[in-house]
Amino acid sequence: EAITETDFAQLKNKPPTPEQIDSIFNHRP
């Protein structure tokens, strides 16, 4: 009831930094 759909969408679509992407995906195919 306090967080708006706009806030949800912004957090969902905030692009991770290259370092964050590497951290999450480097141990994956």
mmCIF file of all heavy atoms, coordinates in Angstrom:
data_MODEL
# 
_entry.id   MODEL 
# 
loop_
_atom_site.group_PDB 
_atom_site.id 
_atom_site.type_symbol 
_atom_site.label_atom_id 
_atom_site.label_alt_id 
_atom_site.label_comp_id 
_atom_site.label_asym_id 
_atom_site.label_entity_id 
_atom_site.label_seq_id 
_atom_site.pdbx_PDB_ins_code 
_atom_site.Cartn_x 
_atom_site.Cartn_y 
_atom_site.Cartn_z 
_atom_site.occupancy 
_atom_site.B_iso_or_equiv 
_atom_site.pdbx_formal_charge 
_atom_site.auth_seq_id 
_atom_site.auth_comp_id 
_atom_site.auth_asym_id 
_atom_site.auth_atom_id 
_atom_site.pdbx_PDB_model_num 
ATOM 1   N N   . GLU A 1 1  ? 0.796  -1.217  0.000   1.00 0.00 ? 1  GLU A N   1 
ATOM 2   C CA  . GLU A 1 1  ? 0.000  0.000   0.000   1.00 0.00 ? 1  GLU A CA  1 
ATOM 3   C C   . GLU A 1 1  ? 0.834  1.275   0.000   1.00 0.00 ? 1  GLU A C   1 
ATOM 4   O O   . GLU A 1 1  ? 0.293  2.360   -0.185  1.00 0.00 ? 1  GLU A O   1 
ATOM 5   C CB  . GLU A 1 1  ? -0.944 0.011   1.217   1.00 0.00 ? 1  GLU A CB  1 
ATOM 6   C CG  . GLU A 1 1  ? -1.972 -1.112  1.212   1.00 0.00 ? 1  GLU A CG  1 
ATOM 7   C CD  . GLU A 1 1  ? -2.927 -1.042  2.402   1.00 0.00 ? 1  GLU A CD  1 
ATOM 8   O OE1 . GLU A 1 1  ? -2.913 -0.017  3.116   1.00 0.00 ? 1  GLU A OE1 1 
ATOM 9   O OE2 . GLU A 1 1  ? -3.667 -2.021  2.606   1.00 0.00 ? 1  GLU A OE2 1 
ATOM 10  N N   . ALA A 1 2  ? 2.141  1.153   0.194   1.00 0.00 ? 2  ALA A N   1 
ATOM 11  C CA  . ALA A 1 2  ? 2.984  2.345   0.296   1.00 0.00 ? 2  ALA A CA  1 
ATOM 12  C C   . ALA A 1 2  ? 3.911  2.524   -0.903  1.00 0.00 ? 2  ALA A C   1 
ATOM 13  O O   . ALA A 1 2  ? 4.290  3.647   -1.240  1.00 0.00 ? 2  ALA A O   1 
ATOM 14  C CB  . ALA A 1 2  ? 3.809  2.296   1.583   1.00 0.00 ? 2  ALA A CB  1 
ATOM 15  N N   . ILE A 1 3  ? 4.301  1.440   -1.541  1.00 0.00 ? 3  ILE A N   1 
ATOM 16  C CA  . ILE A 1 3  ? 5.209  1.500   -2.686  1.00 0.00 ? 3  ILE A CA  1 
ATOM 17  C C   . ILE A 1 3  ? 4.376  1.504   -3.960  1.00 0.00 ? 3  ILE A C   1 
ATOM 18  O O   . ILE A 1 3  ? 3.483  0.677   -4.137  1.00 0.00 ? 3  ILE A O   1 
ATOM 19  C CB  . ILE A 1 3  ? 6.182  0.312   -2.681  1.00 0.00 ? 3  ILE A CB  1 
ATOM 20  C CG1 . ILE A 1 3  ? 6.970  0.274   -1.363  1.00 0.00 ? 3  ILE A CG1 1 
ATOM 21  C CG2 . ILE A 1 3  ? 7.141  0.375   -3.867  1.00 0.00 ? 3  ILE A CG2 1 
ATOM 22  C CD1 . ILE A 1 3  ? 7.810  -0.984  -1.179  1.00 0.00 ? 3  ILE A CD1 1 
ATOM 23  N N   . THR A 1 4  ? 4.655  2.430   -4.859  1.00 0.00 ? 4  THR A N   1 
ATOM 24  C CA  . THR A 1 4  ? 3.854  2.571   -6.076  1.00 0.00 ? 4  THR A CA  1 
ATOM 25  C C   . THR A 1 4  ? 4.329  1.616   -7.168  1.00 0.00 ? 4  THR A C   1 
ATOM 26  O O   . THR A 1 4  ? 5.456  1.104   -7.126  1.00 0.00 ? 4  THR A O   1 
ATOM 27  C CB  . THR A 1 4  ? 3.928  4.009   -6.609  1.00 0.00 ? 4  THR A CB  1 
ATOM 28  O OG1 . THR A 1 4  ? 5.270  4.267   -7.078  1.00 0.00 ? 4  THR A OG1 1 
ATOM 29  C CG2 . THR A 1 4  ? 3.562  5.018   -5.515  1.00 0.00 ? 4  THR A CG2 1 
ATOM 30  N N   . GLU A 1 5  ? 3.473  1.418   -8.164  1.00 0.00 ? 5  GLU A N   1 
ATOM 31  C CA  . GLU A 1 5  ? 3.846  0.580   -9.304  1.00 0.00 ? 5  GLU A CA  1 
ATOM 32  C C   . GLU A 1 5  ? 5.026  1.196   -10.060 1.00 0.00 ? 5  GLU A C   1 
ATOM 33  O O   . GLU A 1 5  ? 5.865  0.471   -10.603 1.00 0.00 ? 5  GLU A O   1 
ATOM 34  C CB  . GLU A 1 5  ? 2.652  0.399   -10.235 1.00 0.00 ? 5  GLU A CB  1 
ATOM 35  C CG  . GLU A 1 5  ? 1.628  -0.618  -9.738  1.00 0.00 ? 5  GLU A CG  1 
ATOM 36  C CD  . GLU A 1 5  ? 2.227  -2.009  -9.596  1.00 0.00 ? 5  GLU A CD  1 
ATOM 37  O OE1 . GLU A 1 5  ? 2.790  -2.537  -10.575 1.00 0.00 ? 5  GLU A OE1 1 
ATOM 38  O OE2 . GLU A 1 5  ? 2.147  -2.571  -8.484  1.00 0.00 ? 5  GLU A OE2 1 
ATOM 39  N N   . THR A 1 6  ? 5.082  2.517   -10.073 1.00 0.00 ? 6  THR A N   1 
ATOM 40  C CA  . THR A 1 6  ? 6.227  3.180   -10.711 1.00 0.00 ? 6  THR A CA  1 
ATOM 41  C C   . THR A 1 6  ? 7.526  2.835   -9.994  1.00 0.00 ? 6  THR A C   1 
ATOM 42  O O   . THR A 1 6  ? 8.553  2.555   -10.630 1.00 0.00 ? 6  THR A O   1 
ATOM 43  C CB  . THR A 1 6  ? 6.024  4.707   -10.713 1.00 0.00 ? 6  THR A CB  1 
ATOM 44  O OG1 . THR A 1 6  ? 4.838  5.031   -11.433 1.00 0.00 ? 6  THR A OG1 1 
ATOM 45  C CG2 . THR A 1 6  ? 7.209  5.410   -11.351 1.00 0.00 ? 6  THR A CG2 1 
ATOM 46  N N   . ASP A 1 7  ? 7.472  2.818   -8.660  1.00 0.00 ? 7  ASP A N   1 
ATOM 47  C CA  . ASP A 1 7  ? 8.663  2.451   -7.883  1.00 0.00 ? 7  ASP A CA  1 
ATOM 48  C C   . ASP A 1 7  ? 9.072  1.012   -8.162  1.00 0.00 ? 7  ASP A C   1 
ATOM 49  O O   . ASP A 1 7  ? 10.269 0.709   -8.325  1.00 0.00 ? 7  ASP A O   1 
ATOM 50  C CB  . ASP A 1 7  ? 8.395  2.629   -6.389  1.00 0.00 ? 7  ASP A CB  1 
ATOM 51  C CG  . ASP A 1 7  ? 8.208  4.087   -5.997  1.00 0.00 ? 7  ASP A CG  1 
ATOM 52  O OD1 . ASP A 1 7  ? 8.762  4.952   -6.691  1.00 0.00 ? 7  ASP A OD1 1 
ATOM 53  O OD2 . ASP A 1 7  ? 7.496  4.343   -5.011  1.00 0.00 ? 7  ASP A OD2 1 
ATOM 54  N N   . PHE A 1 8  ? 8.078  0.107   -8.197  1.00 0.00 ? 8  PHE A N   1 
ATOM 55  C CA  . PHE A 1 8  ? 8.375  -1.298  -8.500  1.00 0.00 ? 8  PHE A CA  1 
ATOM 56  C C   . PHE A 1 8  ? 9.055  -1.414  -9.865  1.00 0.00 ? 8  PHE A C   1 
ATOM 57  O O   . PHE A 1 8  ? 10.056 -2.112  -10.024 1.00 0.00 ? 8  PHE A O   1 
ATOM 58  C CB  . PHE A 1 8  ? 7.094  -2.137  -8.494  1.00 0.00 ? 8  PHE A CB  1 
ATOM 59  C CG  . PHE A 1 8  ? 6.551  -2.446  -7.132  1.00 0.00 ? 8  PHE A CG  1 
ATOM 60  C CD1 . PHE A 1 8  ? 5.231  -2.158  -6.821  1.00 0.00 ? 8  PHE A CD1 1 
ATOM 61  C CD2 . PHE A 1 8  ? 7.337  -3.035  -6.164  1.00 0.00 ? 8  PHE A CD2 1 
ATOM 62  C CE1 . PHE A 1 8  ? 4.704  -2.452  -5.571  1.00 0.00 ? 8  PHE A CE1 1 
ATOM 63  C CE2 . PHE A 1 8  ? 6.832  -3.333  -4.910  1.00 0.00 ? 8  PHE A CE2 1 
ATOM 64  C CZ  . PHE A 1 8  ? 5.517  -3.038  -4.615  1.00 0.00 ? 8  PHE A CZ  1 
ATOM 65  N N   . ALA A 1 9  ? 8.485  -0.738  -10.869 1.00 0.00 ? 9  ALA A N   1 
ATOM 66  C CA  . ALA A 1 9  ? 9.007  -0.831  -12.228 1.00 0.00 ? 9  ALA A CA  1 
ATOM 67  C C   . ALA A 1 9  ? 10.420 -0.274  -12.318 1.00 0.00 ? 9  ALA A C   1 
ATOM 68  O O   . ALA A 1 9  ? 11.286 -0.828  -13.014 1.00 0.00 ? 9  ALA A O   1 
ATOM 69  C CB  . ALA A 1 9  ? 8.077  -0.100  -13.196 1.00 0.00 ? 9  ALA A CB  1 
ATOM 70  N N   . GLN A 1 10 ? 10.679 0.826   -11.607 1.00 0.00 ? 10 GLN A N   1 
ATOM 71  C CA  . GLN A 1 10 ? 12.022 1.411   -11.638 1.00 0.00 ? 10 GLN A CA  1 
ATOM 72  C C   . GLN A 1 10 ? 13.052 0.479   -11.026 1.00 0.00 ? 10 GLN A C   1 
ATOM 73  O O   . GLN A 1 10 ? 14.168 0.327   -11.552 1.00 0.00 ? 10 GLN A O   1 
ATOM 74  C CB  . GLN A 1 10 ? 12.012 2.756   -10.911 1.00 0.00 ? 10 GLN A CB  1 
ATOM 75  C CG  . GLN A 1 10 ? 11.295 3.863   -11.677 1.00 0.00 ? 10 GLN A CG  1 
ATOM 76  C CD  . GLN A 1 10 ? 11.222 5.166   -10.902 1.00 0.00 ? 10 GLN A CD  1 
ATOM 77  O OE1 . GLN A 1 10 ? 11.430 5.194   -9.678  1.00 0.00 ? 10 GLN A OE1 1 
ATOM 78  N NE2 . GLN A 1 10 ? 10.913 6.259   -11.581 1.00 0.00 ? 10 GLN A NE2 1 
ATOM 79  N N   . LEU A 1 11 ? 12.691 -0.160  -9.915  1.00 0.00 ? 11 LEU A N   1 
ATOM 80  C CA  . LEU A 1 11 ? 13.623 -1.104  -9.287  1.00 0.00 ? 11 LEU A CA  1 
ATOM 81  C C   . LEU A 1 11 ? 13.822 -2.336  -10.152 1.00 0.00 ? 11 LEU A C   1 
ATOM 82  O O   . LEU A 1 11 ? 14.938 -2.848  -10.277 1.00 0.00 ? 11 LEU A O   1 
ATOM 83  C CB  . LEU A 1 11 ? 13.103 -1.501  -7.904  1.00 0.00 ? 11 LEU A CB  1 
ATOM 84  C CG  . LEU A 1 11 ? 13.306 -0.463  -6.800  1.00 0.00 ? 11 LEU A CG  1 
ATOM 85  C CD1 . LEU A 1 11 ? 12.480 -0.808  -5.571  1.00 0.00 ? 11 LEU A CD1 1 
ATOM 86  C CD2 . LEU A 1 11 ? 14.787 -0.355  -6.434  1.00 0.00 ? 11 LEU A CD2 1 
ATOM 87  N N   . LYS A 1 12 ? 12.750 -2.818  -10.753 1.00 0.00 ? 12 LYS A N   1 
ATOM 88  C CA  . LYS A 1 12 ? 12.840 -4.000  -11.604 1.00 0.00 ? 12 LYS A CA  1 
ATOM 89  C C   . LYS A 1 12 ? 13.754 -3.748  -12.803 1.00 0.00 ? 12 LYS A C   1 
ATOM 90  O O   . LYS A 1 12 ? 14.508 -4.621  -13.223 1.00 0.00 ? 12 LYS A O   1 
ATOM 91  C CB  . LYS A 1 12 ? 11.438 -4.369  -12.088 1.00 0.00 ? 12 LYS A CB  1 
ATOM 92  C CG  . LYS A 1 12 ? 11.384 -5.434  -13.180 1.00 0.00 ? 12 LYS A CG  1 
ATOM 93  C CD  . LYS A 1 12 ? 11.363 -6.817  -12.631 1.00 0.00 ? 12 LYS A CD  1 
ATOM 94  C CE  . LYS A 1 12 ? 11.071 -7.833  -13.725 1.00 0.00 ? 12 LYS A CE  1 
ATOM 95  N NZ  . LYS A 1 12 ? 10.878 -9.182  -13.220 1.00 0.00 ? 12 LYS A NZ  1 
ATOM 96  N N   . ASN A 1 13 ? 13.678 -2.539  -13.362 1.00 0.00 ? 13 ASN A N   1 
ATOM 97  C CA  . ASN A 1 13 ? 14.369 -2.254  -14.618 1.00 0.00 ? 13 ASN A CA  1 
ATOM 98  C C   . ASN A 1 13 ? 15.638 -1.420  -14.448 1.00 0.00 ? 13 ASN A C   1 
ATOM 99  O O   . ASN A 1 13 ? 16.216 -0.981  -15.435 1.00 0.00 ? 13 ASN A O   1 
ATOM 100 C CB  . ASN A 1 13 ? 13.404 -1.543  -15.573 1.00 0.00 ? 13 ASN A CB  1 
ATOM 101 C CG  . ASN A 1 13 ? 12.342 -2.484  -16.101 1.00 0.00 ? 13 ASN A CG  1 
ATOM 102 O OD1 . ASN A 1 13 ? 12.606 -3.317  -16.956 1.00 0.00 ? 13 ASN A OD1 1 
ATOM 103 N ND2 . ASN A 1 13 ? 11.133 -2.358  -15.567 1.00 0.00 ? 13 ASN A ND2 1 
ATOM 104 N N   . LYS A 1 14 ? 16.062 -1.216  -13.211 1.00 0.00 ? 14 LYS A N   1 
ATOM 105 C CA  . LYS A 1 14 ? 17.334 -0.535  -12.998 1.00 0.00 ? 14 LYS A CA  1 
ATOM 106 C C   . LYS A 1 14 ? 18.460 -1.442  -13.489 1.00 0.00 ? 14 LYS A C   1 
ATOM 107 O O   . LYS A 1 14 ? 18.611 -2.573  -13.014 1.00 0.00 ? 14 LYS A O   1 
ATOM 108 C CB  . LYS A 1 14 ? 17.526 -0.232  -11.510 1.00 0.00 ? 14 LYS A CB  1 
ATOM 109 C CG  . LYS A 1 14 ? 18.847 0.444   -11.188 1.00 0.00 ? 14 LYS A CG  1 
ATOM 110 C CD  . LYS A 1 14 ? 18.989 0.659   -9.680  1.00 0.00 ? 14 LYS A CD  1 
ATOM 111 C CE  . LYS A 1 14 ? 20.335 1.261   -9.336  1.00 0.00 ? 14 LYS A CE  1 
ATOM 112 N NZ  . LYS A 1 14 ? 20.497 1.417   -7.865  1.00 0.00 ? 14 LYS A NZ  1 
ATOM 113 N N   . PRO A 1 15 ? 19.254 -1.001  -14.459 1.00 0.00 ? 15 PRO A N   1 
ATOM 114 C CA  . PRO A 1 15 ? 20.288 -1.889  -15.016 1.00 0.00 ? 15 PRO A CA  1 
ATOM 115 C C   . PRO A 1 15 ? 21.410 -2.138  -14.017 1.00 0.00 ? 15 PRO A C   1 
ATOM 116 O O   . PRO A 1 15 ? 21.961 -1.185  -13.444 1.00 0.00 ? 15 PRO A O   1 
ATOM 117 C CB  . PRO A 1 15 ? 20.796 -1.111  -16.231 1.00 0.00 ? 15 PRO A CB  1 
ATOM 118 C CG  . PRO A 1 15 ? 20.473 0.320   -15.945 1.00 0.00 ? 15 PRO A CG  1 
ATOM 119 C CD  . PRO A 1 15 ? 19.219 0.314   -15.130 1.00 0.00 ? 15 PRO A CD  1 
ATOM 120 N N   . PRO A 1 16 ? 21.756 -3.387  -13.772 1.00 0.00 ? 16 PRO A N   1 
ATOM 121 C CA  . PRO A 1 16 ? 22.892 -3.678  -12.887 1.00 0.00 ? 16 PRO A CA  1 
ATOM 122 C C   . PRO A 1 16 ? 24.194 -3.153  -13.501 1.00 0.00 ? 16 PRO A C   1 
ATOM 123 O O   . PRO A 1 16 ? 24.320 -3.009  -14.716 1.00 0.00 ? 16 PRO A O   1 
ATOM 124 C CB  . PRO A 1 16 ? 22.903 -5.212  -12.800 1.00 0.00 ? 16 PRO A CB  1 
ATOM 125 C CG  . PRO A 1 16 ? 21.553 -5.645  -13.273 1.00 0.00 ? 16 PRO A CG  1 
ATOM 126 C CD  . PRO A 1 16 ? 21.109 -4.614  -14.259 1.00 0.00 ? 16 PRO A CD  1 
ATOM 127 N N   . THR A 1 17 ? 25.147 -2.850  -12.651 1.00 0.00 ? 17 THR A N   1 
ATOM 128 C CA  . THR A 1 17 ? 26.457 -2.427  -13.138 1.00 0.00 ? 17 THR A CA  1 
ATOM 129 C C   . THR A 1 17 ? 27.184 -3.626  -13.742 1.00 0.00 ? 17 THR A C   1 
ATOM 130 O O   . THR A 1 17 ? 26.842 -4.782  -13.456 1.00 0.00 ? 17 THR A O   1 
ATOM 131 C CB  . THR A 1 17 ? 27.303 -1.859  -11.993 1.00 0.00 ? 17 THR A CB  1 
ATOM 132 O OG1 . THR A 1 17 ? 27.597 -2.918  -11.061 1.00 0.00 ? 17 THR A OG1 1 
ATOM 133 C CG2 . THR A 1 17 ? 26.564 -0.735  -11.270 1.00 0.00 ? 17 THR A CG2 1 
ATOM 134 N N   . PRO A 1 18 ? 28.188 -3.386  -14.577 1.00 0.00 ? 18 PRO A N   1 
ATOM 135 C CA  . PRO A 1 18 ? 28.965 -4.516  -15.125 1.00 0.00 ? 18 PRO A CA  1 
ATOM 136 C C   . PRO A 1 18 ? 29.547 -5.403  -14.022 1.00 0.00 ? 18 PRO A C   1 
ATOM 137 O O   . PRO A 1 18 ? 29.594 -6.640  -14.168 1.00 0.00 ? 18 PRO A O   1 
ATOM 138 C CB  . PRO A 1 18 ? 30.065 -3.814  -15.939 1.00 0.00 ? 18 PRO A CB  1 
ATOM 139 C CG  . PRO A 1 18 ? 29.457 -2.506  -16.341 1.00 0.00 ? 18 PRO A CG  1 
ATOM 140 C CD  . PRO A 1 18 ? 28.607 -2.096  -15.178 1.00 0.00 ? 18 PRO A CD  1 
ATOM 141 N N   . GLU A 1 19 ? 29.968 -4.788  -12.923 1.00 0.00 ? 19 GLU A N   1 
ATOM 142 C CA  . GLU A 1 19 ? 30.531 -5.577  -11.813 1.00 0.00 ? 19 GLU A CA  1 
ATOM 143 C C   . GLU A 1 19 ? 29.459 -6.470  -11.191 1.00 0.00 ? 19 GLU A C   1 
ATOM 144 O O   . GLU A 1 19 ? 29.736 -7.637  -10.838 1.00 0.00 ? 19 GLU A O   1 
ATOM 145 C CB  . GLU A 1 19 ? 31.124 -4.653  -10.750 1.00 0.00 ? 19 GLU A CB  1 
ATOM 146 C CG  . GLU A 1 19 ? 32.351 -3.867  -11.186 1.00 0.00 ? 19 GLU A CG  1 
ATOM 147 C CD  . GLU A 1 19 ? 32.019 -2.662  -12.076 1.00 0.00 ? 19 GLU A CD  1 
ATOM 148 O OE1 . GLU A 1 19 ? 30.805 -2.311  -12.161 1.00 0.00 ? 19 GLU A OE1 1 
ATOM 149 O OE2 . GLU A 1 19 ? 32.940 -2.095  -12.659 1.00 0.00 ? 19 GLU A OE2 1 
ATOM 150 N N   . GLN A 1 20 ? 28.261 -5.950  -11.035 1.00 0.00 ? 20 GLN A N   1 
ATOM 151 C CA  . GLN A 1 20 ? 27.167 -6.748  -10.467 1.00 0.00 ? 20 GLN A CA  1 
ATOM 152 C C   . GLN A 1 20 ? 26.796 -7.890  -11.398 1.00 0.00 ? 20 GLN A C   1 
ATOM 153 O O   . GLN A 1 20 ? 26.547 -9.018  -10.953 1.00 0.00 ? 20 GLN A O   1 
ATOM 154 C CB  . GLN A 1 20 ? 25.963 -5.850  -10.199 1.00 0.00 ? 20 GLN A CB  1 
ATOM 155 C CG  . GLN A 1 20 ? 26.170 -4.870  -9.049  1.00 0.00 ? 20 GLN A CG  1 
ATOM 156 C CD  . GLN A 1 20 ? 25.068 -3.840  -8.952  1.00 0.00 ? 20 GLN A CD  1 
ATOM 157 O OE1 . GLN A 1 20 ? 24.420 -3.488  -9.940  1.00 0.00 ? 20 GLN A OE1 1 
ATOM 158 N NE2 . GLN A 1 20 ? 24.835 -3.325  -7.748  1.00 0.00 ? 20 GLN A NE2 1 
ATOM 159 N N   . ILE A 1 21 ? 26.754 -7.625  -12.683 1.00 0.00 ? 21 ILE A N   1 
ATOM 160 C CA  . ILE A 1 21 ? 26.444 -8.676  -13.654 1.00 0.00 ? 21 ILE A CA  1 
ATOM 161 C C   . ILE A 1 21 ? 27.501 -9.773  -13.622 1.00 0.00 ? 21 ILE A C   1 
ATOM 162 O O   . ILE A 1 21 ? 27.185 -10.973 -13.598 1.00 0.00 ? 21 ILE A O   1 
ATOM 163 C CB  . ILE A 1 21 ? 26.314 -8.077  -15.067 1.00 0.00 ? 21 ILE A CB  1 
ATOM 164 C CG1 . ILE A 1 21 ? 25.047 -7.222  -15.157 1.00 0.00 ? 21 ILE A CG1 1 
ATOM 165 C CG2 . ILE A 1 21 ? 26.270 -9.189  -16.122 1.00 0.00 ? 21 ILE A CG2 1 
ATOM 166 C CD1 . ILE A 1 21 ? 24.870 -6.521  -16.488 1.00 0.00 ? 21 ILE A CD1 1 
ATOM 167 N N   . ASP A 1 22 ? 28.764 -9.366  -13.575 1.00 0.00 ? 22 ASP A N   1 
ATOM 168 C CA  . ASP A 1 22 ? 29.836 -10.362 -13.523 1.00 0.00 ? 22 ASP A CA  1 
ATOM 169 C C   . ASP A 1 22 ? 29.722 -11.208 -12.262 1.00 0.00 ? 22 ASP A C   1 
ATOM 170 O O   . ASP A 1 22 ? 29.906 -12.437 -12.303 1.00 0.00 ? 22 ASP A O   1 
ATOM 171 C CB  . ASP A 1 22 ? 31.203 -9.671  -13.562 1.00 0.00 ? 22 ASP A CB  1 
ATOM 172 C CG  . ASP A 1 22 ? 31.539 -9.118  -14.935 1.00 0.00 ? 22 ASP A CG  1 
ATOM 173 O OD1 . ASP A 1 22 ? 30.872 -9.514  -15.913 1.00 0.00 ? 22 ASP A OD1 1 
ATOM 174 O OD2 . ASP A 1 22 ? 32.456 -8.269  -15.019 1.00 0.00 ? 22 ASP A OD2 1 
ATOM 175 N N   . SER A 1 23 ? 29.421 -10.577 -11.144 1.00 0.00 ? 23 SER A N   1 
ATOM 176 C CA  . SER A 1 23 ? 29.323 -11.301 -9.877  1.00 0.00 ? 23 SER A CA  1 
ATOM 177 C C   . SER A 1 23 ? 28.230 -12.360 -9.929  1.00 0.00 ? 23 SER A C   1 
ATOM 178 O O   . SER A 1 23 ? 28.419 -13.490 -9.464  1.00 0.00 ? 23 SER A O   1 
ATOM 179 C CB  . SER A 1 23 ? 29.046 -10.315 -8.741  1.00 0.00 ? 23 SER A CB  1 
ATOM 180 O OG  . SER A 1 23 ? 28.921 -10.992 -7.510  1.00 0.00 ? 23 SER A OG  1 
ATOM 181 N N   . ILE A 1 24 ? 27.095 -12.019 -10.523 1.00 0.00 ? 24 ILE A N   1 
ATOM 182 C CA  . ILE A 1 24 ? 25.958 -12.950 -10.571 1.00 0.00 ? 24 ILE A CA  1 
ATOM 183 C C   . ILE A 1 24 ? 26.135 -14.018 -11.633 1.00 0.00 ? 24 ILE A C   1 
ATOM 184 O O   . ILE A 1 24 ? 25.724 -15.171 -11.449 1.00 0.00 ? 24 ILE A O   1 
ATOM 185 C CB  . ILE A 1 24 ? 24.647 -12.166 -10.805 1.00 0.00 ? 24 ILE A CB  1 
ATOM 186 C CG1 . ILE A 1 24 ? 24.315 -11.306 -9.579  1.00 0.00 ? 24 ILE A CG1 1 
ATOM 187 C CG2 . ILE A 1 24 ? 23.485 -13.111 -11.119 1.00 0.00 ? 24 ILE A CG2 1 
ATOM 188 C CD1 . ILE A 1 24 ? 23.112 -10.399 -9.762  1.00 0.00 ? 24 ILE A CD1 1 
ATOM 189 N N   . PHE A 1 25 ? 26.792 -13.680 -12.756 1.00 0.00 ? 25 PHE A N   1 
ATOM 190 C CA  . PHE A 1 25 ? 26.783 -14.598 -13.906 1.00 0.00 ? 25 PHE A CA  1 
ATOM 191 C C   . PHE A 1 25 ? 28.117 -15.288 -14.199 1.00 0.00 ? 25 PHE A C   1 
ATOM 192 O O   . PHE A 1 25 ? 28.149 -16.234 -14.980 1.00 0.00 ? 25 PHE A O   1 
ATOM 193 C CB  . PHE A 1 25 ? 26.340 -13.840 -15.167 1.00 0.00 ? 25 PHE A CB  1 
ATOM 194 C CG  . PHE A 1 25 ? 24.884 -13.479 -15.163 1.00 0.00 ? 25 PHE A CG  1 
ATOM 195 C CD1 . PHE A 1 25 ? 24.478 -12.221 -14.761 1.00 0.00 ? 25 PHE A CD1 1 
ATOM 196 C CD2 . PHE A 1 25 ? 23.921 -14.398 -15.552 1.00 0.00 ? 25 PHE A CD2 1 
ATOM 197 C CE1 . PHE A 1 25 ? 23.136 -11.878 -14.746 1.00 0.00 ? 25 PHE A CE1 1 
ATOM 198 C CE2 . PHE A 1 25 ? 22.576 -14.074 -15.538 1.00 0.00 ? 25 PHE A CE2 1 
ATOM 199 C CZ  . PHE A 1 25 ? 22.172 -12.809 -15.135 1.00 0.00 ? 25 PHE A CZ  1 
ATOM 200 N N   . ASN A 1 26 ? 29.213 -14.863 -13.597 1.00 0.00 ? 26 ASN A N   1 
ATOM 201 C CA  . ASN A 1 26 ? 30.503 -15.452 -13.964 1.00 0.00 ? 26 ASN A CA  1 
ATOM 202 C C   . ASN A 1 26 ? 30.607 -16.935 -13.639 1.00 0.00 ? 26 ASN A C   1 
ATOM 203 O O   . ASN A 1 26 ? 31.409 -17.637 -14.255 1.00 0.00 ? 26 ASN A O   1 
ATOM 204 C CB  . ASN A 1 26 ? 31.651 -14.688 -13.298 1.00 0.00 ? 26 ASN A CB  1 
ATOM 205 C CG  . ASN A 1 26 ? 32.072 -13.475 -14.118 1.00 0.00 ? 26 ASN A CG  1 
ATOM 206 O OD1 . ASN A 1 26 ? 31.550 -13.234 -15.204 1.00 0.00 ? 26 ASN A OD1 1 
ATOM 207 N ND2 . ASN A 1 26 ? 33.015 -12.702 -13.588 1.00 0.00 ? 26 ASN A ND2 1 
ATOM 208 N N   . HIS A 1 27 ? 29.850 -17.431 -12.661 1.00 0.00 ? 27 HIS A N   1 
ATOM 209 C CA  . HIS A 1 27 ? 29.912 -18.855 -12.331 1.00 0.00 ? 27 HIS A CA  1 
ATOM 210 C C   . HIS A 1 27 ? 28.808 -19.648 -13.046 1.00 0.00 ? 27 HIS A C   1 
ATOM 211 O O   . HIS A 1 27 ? 28.587 -20.816 -12.723 1.00 0.00 ? 27 HIS A O   1 
ATOM 212 C CB  . HIS A 1 27 ? 29.801 -19.051 -10.810 1.00 0.00 ? 27 HIS A CB  1 
ATOM 213 C CG  . HIS A 1 27 ? 28.539 -18.494 -10.207 1.00 0.00 ? 27 HIS A CG  1 
ATOM 214 N ND1 . HIS A 1 27 ? 28.341 -17.142 -10.034 1.00 0.00 ? 27 HIS A ND1 1 
ATOM 215 C CD2 . HIS A 1 27 ? 27.420 -19.100 -9.739  1.00 0.00 ? 27 HIS A CD2 1 
ATOM 216 C CE1 . HIS A 1 27 ? 27.163 -16.936 -9.477  1.00 0.00 ? 27 HIS A CE1 1 
ATOM 217 N NE2 . HIS A 1 27 ? 26.585 -18.106 -9.293  1.00 0.00 ? 27 HIS A NE2 1 
ATOM 218 N N   . ARG A 1 28 ? 28.151 -19.002 -14.004 1.00 0.00 ? 28 ARG A N   1 
ATOM 219 C CA  . ARG A 1 28 ? 27.102 -19.651 -14.784 1.00 0.00 ? 28 ARG A CA  1 
ATOM 220 C C   . ARG A 1 28 ? 27.564 -19.842 -16.230 1.00 0.00 ? 28 ARG A C   1 
ATOM 221 O O   . ARG A 1 28 ? 28.514 -19.177 -16.680 1.00 0.00 ? 28 ARG A O   1 
ATOM 222 C CB  . ARG A 1 28 ? 25.827 -18.798 -14.772 1.00 0.00 ? 28 ARG A CB  1 
ATOM 223 C CG  . ARG A 1 28 ? 25.135 -18.741 -13.439 1.00 0.00 ? 28 ARG A CG  1 
ATOM 224 C CD  . ARG A 1 28 ? 23.839 -17.907 -13.540 1.00 0.00 ? 28 ARG A CD  1 
ATOM 225 N NE  . ARG A 1 28 ? 22.920 -18.263 -12.471 1.00 0.00 ? 28 ARG A NE  1 
ATOM 226 C CZ  . ARG A 1 28 ? 22.979 -17.762 -11.253 1.00 0.00 ? 28 ARG A CZ  1 
ATOM 227 N NH1 . ARG A 1 28 ? 23.908 -16.879 -10.951 1.00 0.00 ? 28 ARG A NH1 1 
ATOM 228 N NH2 . ARG A 1 28 ? 22.131 -18.162 -10.324 1.00 0.00 ? 28 ARG A NH2 1 
ATOM 229 N N   . PRO A 1 29 ? 26.879 -20.699 -16.978 1.00 0.00 ? 29 PRO A N   1 
ATOM 230 C CA  . PRO A 1 29 ? 27.196 -20.807 -18.398 1.00 0.00 ? 29 PRO A CA  1 
ATOM 231 C C   . PRO A 1 29 ? 27.033 -19.463 -19.104 1.00 0.00 ? 29 PRO A C   1 
ATOM 232 O O   . PRO A 1 29 ? 26.136 -18.678 -18.773 1.00 0.00 ? 29 PRO A O   1 
ATOM 233 C CB  . PRO A 1 29 ? 26.168 -21.830 -18.917 1.00 0.00 ? 29 PRO A CB  1 
ATOM 234 C CG  . PRO A 1 29 ? 25.782 -22.633 -17.705 1.00 0.00 ? 29 PRO A CG  1 
ATOM 235 C CD  . PRO A 1 29 ? 25.852 -21.672 -16.553 1.00 0.00 ? 29 PRO A CD  1 
# 
